[in-house]
C-alpha atoms as a PDB file:
ATOM      1  CA  UNK A   1    -159.322  76.581-109.611  1.00  0.00           C
ATOM      2  CA  UNK A   2    -158.086  76.938-106.054  1.00  0.00           C
ATOM      3  CA  UNK A   3    -158.698  74.273-103.462  1.00  0.00           C
ATOM      4  CA  UNK A   4    -160.533  75.562-100.433  1.00  0.00           C
ATOM      5  CA  UNK A   5    -160.263  74.227 -96.942  1.00  0.00           C
ATOM      6  CA  UNK A   6    -163.258  74.157 -94.643  1.00  0.00           C
ATOM      7  CA  UNK A   7    -163.500  77.082 -92.267  1.00  0.00           C
ATOM      8  CA  UNK A   8    -161.135  76.695 -89.335  1.00  0.00           C
ATOM      9  CA  UNK A   9    -158.630  74.520 -91.216  1.00  0.00           C
ATOM     10  CA  UNK A  10    -155.352  76.136 -92.237  1.00  0.00           C
ATOM     11  CA  UNK A  11    -154.984  79.645 -93.489  1.00  0.00           C
ATOM     12  CA  UNK A  12    -155.213  80.991 -89.952  1.00  0.00           C
ATOM     13  CA  UNK A  13    -153.503  84.146 -88.882  1.00  0.00           C
ATOM     14  CA  UNK A  14    -149.800  83.723 -88.013  1.00  0.00           C
ATOM     15  CA  UNK A  15    -150.548  85.062 -84.539  1.00  0.00           C
ATOM     16  CA  UNK A  16    -152.833  82.101 -83.882  1.00  0.00           C
ATOM     17  CA  UNK A  17    -150.084  79.635 -84.741  1.00  0.00           C
ATOM     18  CA  UNK A  18    -147.576  81.473 -82.561  1.00  0.00           C
ATOM     19  CA  UNK A  19    -150.061  81.581 -79.722  1.00  0.00           C
ATOM     20  CA  UNK A  20    -150.664  77.853 -80.033  1.00  0.00           C
ATOM     21  CA  UNK A  21    -146.918  77.185 -80.046  1.00  0.00           C
ATOM     22  CA  UNK A  22    -146.414  79.305 -76.935  1.00  0.00           C
ATOM     23  CA  UNK A  23    -149.253  77.497 -75.215  1.00  0.00           C
ATOM     24  CA  UNK A  24    -147.803  74.100 -76.189  1.00  0.00           C
ATOM     25  CA  UNK A  25    -144.365  75.122 -74.893  1.00  0.00           C
ATOM     26  CA  UNK A  26    -145.914  76.314 -71.641  1.00  0.00           C
ATOM     27  CA  UNK A  27    -147.803  73.021 -71.271  1.00  0.00           C
ATOM     28  CA  UNK A  28    -144.634  71.043 -71.966  1.00  0.00           C
ATOM     29  CA  UNK A  29    -142.677  73.015 -69.359  1.00  0.00           C
ATOM     30  CA  UNK A  30    -145.431  72.445 -66.802  1.00  0.00           C
ATOM     31  CA  UNK A  31    -145.547  68.721 -67.602  1.00  0.00           C
ATOM     32  CA  UNK A  32    -141.781  68.488 -67.186  1.00  0.00           C
ATOM     33  CA  UNK A  33    -142.015  70.227 -63.807  1.00  0.00           C
ATOM     34  CA  UNK A  34    -144.856  67.993 -62.602  1.00  0.00           C
ATOM     35  CA  UNK A  35    -143.084  64.859 -63.852  1.00  0.00           C
ATOM     36  CA  UNK A  36    -139.951  65.807 -61.887  1.00  0.00           C
ATOM     37  CA  UNK A  37    -142.065  66.344 -58.749  1.00  0.00           C
ATOM     38  CA  UNK A  38    -143.799  63.006 -59.242  1.00  0.00           C
ATOM     39  CA  UNK A  39    -140.462  61.210 -59.664  1.00  0.00           C
ATOM     40  CA  UNK A  40    -139.139  62.621 -56.375  1.00  0.00           C
ATOM     41  CA  UNK A  41    -142.258  61.845 -54.358  1.00  0.00           C
ATOM     42  CA  UNK A  42    -142.185  58.740 -52.172  1.00  0.00           C
ATOM     43  CA  UNK A  43    -145.131  56.360 -51.910  1.00  0.00           C
ATOM     44  CA  UNK A  44    -145.575  53.930 -49.036  1.00  0.00           C
ATOM     45  CA  UNK A  45    -147.926  50.949 -49.039  1.00  0.00           C
ATOM     46  CA  UNK A  46    -148.420  48.247 -46.445  1.00  0.00           C
ATOM     47  CA  UNK A  47    -150.147  44.897 -46.870  1.00  0.00           C
ATOM     48  CA  UNK A  48    -151.051  41.994 -44.646  1.00  0.00           C
ATOM     49  CA  UNK A  49    -152.222  44.264 -41.850  1.00  0.00           C
ATOM     50  CA  UNK A  50    -148.887  46.071 -41.848  1.00  0.00           C
ATOM     51  CA  UNK A  51    -146.816  42.889 -42.026  1.00  0.00           C
ATOM     52  CA  UNK A  52    -144.956  44.148 -45.113  1.00  0.00           C
ATOM     53  CA  UNK A  53    -144.376  47.802 -45.920  1.00  0.00           C
ATOM     54  CA  UNK A  54    -142.809  49.138 -49.114  1.00  0.00           C
ATOM     55  CA  UNK A  55    -141.640  52.655 -49.954  1.00  0.00           C
ATOM     56  CA  UNK A  56    -140.887  53.518 -53.560  1.00  0.00           C
ATOM     57  CA  UNK A  57    -140.076  56.732 -55.422  1.00  0.00           C
ATOM     58  CA  UNK A  58    -142.073  57.996 -58.359  1.00  0.00           C
ATOM     59  CA  UNK A  59    -139.242  56.658 -60.523  1.00  0.00           C
ATOM     60  CA  UNK A  60    -140.271  53.229 -59.226  1.00  0.00           C
ATOM     61  CA  UNK A  61    -137.059  52.767 -57.273  1.00  0.00           C
ATOM     62  CA  UNK A  62    -137.557  50.670 -54.166  1.00  0.00           C
ATOM     63  CA  UNK A  63    -136.295  52.657 -51.167  1.00  0.00           C
ATOM     64  CA  UNK A  64    -137.573  50.752 -48.126  1.00  0.00           C
ATOM     65  CA  UNK A  65    -138.797  47.229 -47.482  1.00  0.00           C
ATOM     66  CA  UNK A  66    -139.933  46.535 -43.918  1.00  0.00           C
ATOM     67  CA  UNK A  67    -141.014  43.061 -42.849  1.00  0.00           C
ATOM     68  CA  UNK A  68    -142.360  42.399 -39.373  1.00  0.00           C
ATOM     69  CA  UNK A  69    -140.411  39.563 -37.712  1.00  0.00           C
ATOM     70  CA  UNK A  70    -143.558  37.606 -36.878  1.00  0.00           C
ATOM     71  CA  UNK A  71    -144.262  37.207 -40.593  1.00  0.00           C
ATOM     72  CA  UNK A  72    -140.974  35.412 -41.200  1.00  0.00           C
ATOM     73  CA  UNK A  73    -141.908  31.762 -40.945  1.00  0.00           C
ATOM     74  CA  UNK A  74    -139.345  29.352 -42.422  1.00  0.00           C
ATOM     75  CA  UNK A  75    -142.190  26.883 -42.941  1.00  0.00           C
ATOM     76  CA  UNK A  76    -144.193  29.351 -45.075  1.00  0.00           C
ATOM     77  CA  UNK A  77    -141.833  31.349 -47.271  1.00  0.00           C
ATOM     78  CA  UNK A  78    -144.484  31.489 -50.002  1.00  0.00           C
ATOM     79  CA  UNK A  79    -146.752  33.693 -47.882  1.00  0.00           C
ATOM     80  CA  UNK A  80    -143.937  36.185 -47.305  1.00  0.00           C
ATOM     81  CA  UNK A  81    -143.077  36.201 -51.005  1.00  0.00           C
ATOM     82  CA  UNK A  82    -146.736  36.826 -51.867  1.00  0.00           C
ATOM     83  CA  UNK A  83    -146.913  39.717 -49.400  1.00  0.00           C
ATOM     84  CA  UNK A  84    -143.784  41.356 -50.832  1.00  0.00           C
ATOM     85  CA  UNK A  85    -145.043  40.955 -54.400  1.00  0.00           C
ATOM     86  CA  UNK A  86    -148.439  42.327 -53.408  1.00  0.00           C
ATOM     87  CA  UNK A  87    -146.904  45.374 -51.698  1.00  0.00           C
ATOM     88  CA  UNK A  88    -144.602  46.177 -54.624  1.00  0.00           C
ATOM     89  CA  UNK A  89    -147.405  45.802 -57.177  1.00  0.00           C
ATOM     90  CA  UNK A  90    -149.733  47.983 -55.100  1.00  0.00           C
ATOM     91  CA  UNK A  91    -147.216  50.811 -54.727  1.00  0.00           C
ATOM     92  CA  UNK A  92    -146.480  50.724 -58.488  1.00  0.00           C
ATOM     93  CA  UNK A  93    -150.226  50.900 -59.188  1.00  0.00           C
ATOM     94  CA  UNK A  94    -150.501  53.897 -56.821  1.00  0.00           C
ATOM     95  CA  UNK A  95    -147.609  55.700 -58.560  1.00  0.00           C
ATOM     96  CA  UNK A  96    -149.102  55.078 -62.015  1.00  0.00           C
ATOM     97  CA  UNK A  97    -152.551  56.293 -60.945  1.00  0.00           C
ATOM     98  CA  UNK A  98    -151.188  59.503 -59.440  1.00  0.00           C
ATOM     99  CA  UNK A  99    -149.013  60.172 -62.464  1.00  0.00           C
ATOM    100  CA  UNK A 100    -151.954  59.678 -64.832  1.00  0.00           C
ATOM    101  CA  UNK A 101    -154.192  61.923 -62.692  1.00  0.00           C
ATOM    102  CA  UNK A 102    -151.653  64.749 -62.637  1.00  0.00           C
ATOM    103  CA  UNK A 103    -150.939  64.561 -66.360  1.00  0.00           C
ATOM    104  CA  UNK A 104    -154.652  64.512 -67.194  1.00  0.00           C
ATOM    105  CA  UNK A 105    -155.052  67.722 -65.189  1.00  0.00           C
ATOM    106  CA  UNK A 106    -152.390  69.392 -67.314  1.00  0.00           C
ATOM    107  CA  UNK A 107    -153.566  68.075 -70.654  1.00  0.00           C
ATOM    108  CA  UNK A 108    -157.210  68.814 -69.970  1.00  0.00           C
ATOM    109  CA  UNK A 109    -158.025  65.147 -70.489  1.00  0.00           C
ATOM    110  CA  UNK A 110    -156.541  65.111 -73.996  1.00  0.00           C
ATOM    111  CA  UNK A 111    -154.782  61.879 -74.836  1.00  0.00           C
ATOM    112  CA  UNK A 112    -151.423  63.021 -76.182  1.00  0.00           C
ATOM    113  CA  UNK A 113    -149.449  59.977 -77.348  1.00  0.00           C
ATOM    114  CA  UNK A 114    -145.934  59.726 -75.975  1.00  0.00           C
ATOM    115  CA  UNK A 115    -146.392  62.209 -73.152  1.00  0.00           C
ATOM    116  CA  UNK A 116    -147.297  59.757 -70.412  1.00  0.00           C
END
């Protein structure tokens, strides 16, 4: 007695498998291209009404940190530290959100573990 798979499972034409492989390779190439673009893009965020401005690449490398002189108060270093932390966290959040959006476009909303 032969085991039978439900319709649509296995036993498909070899052309279907090849077509799926080509499509997967195309998707992977597109994801690689988009990922490279995202890594090169710079994101700038300012906090505290422009008191602290941070620019970071998509690779999450800090490129620019601007602090307005009037924010530098030796009596209140904690506020400046909080502003810097806030700016860095916000720009990282922005990078992650854009990366997720772009990858979802490519994957059609499929959650593919290990891709992003």
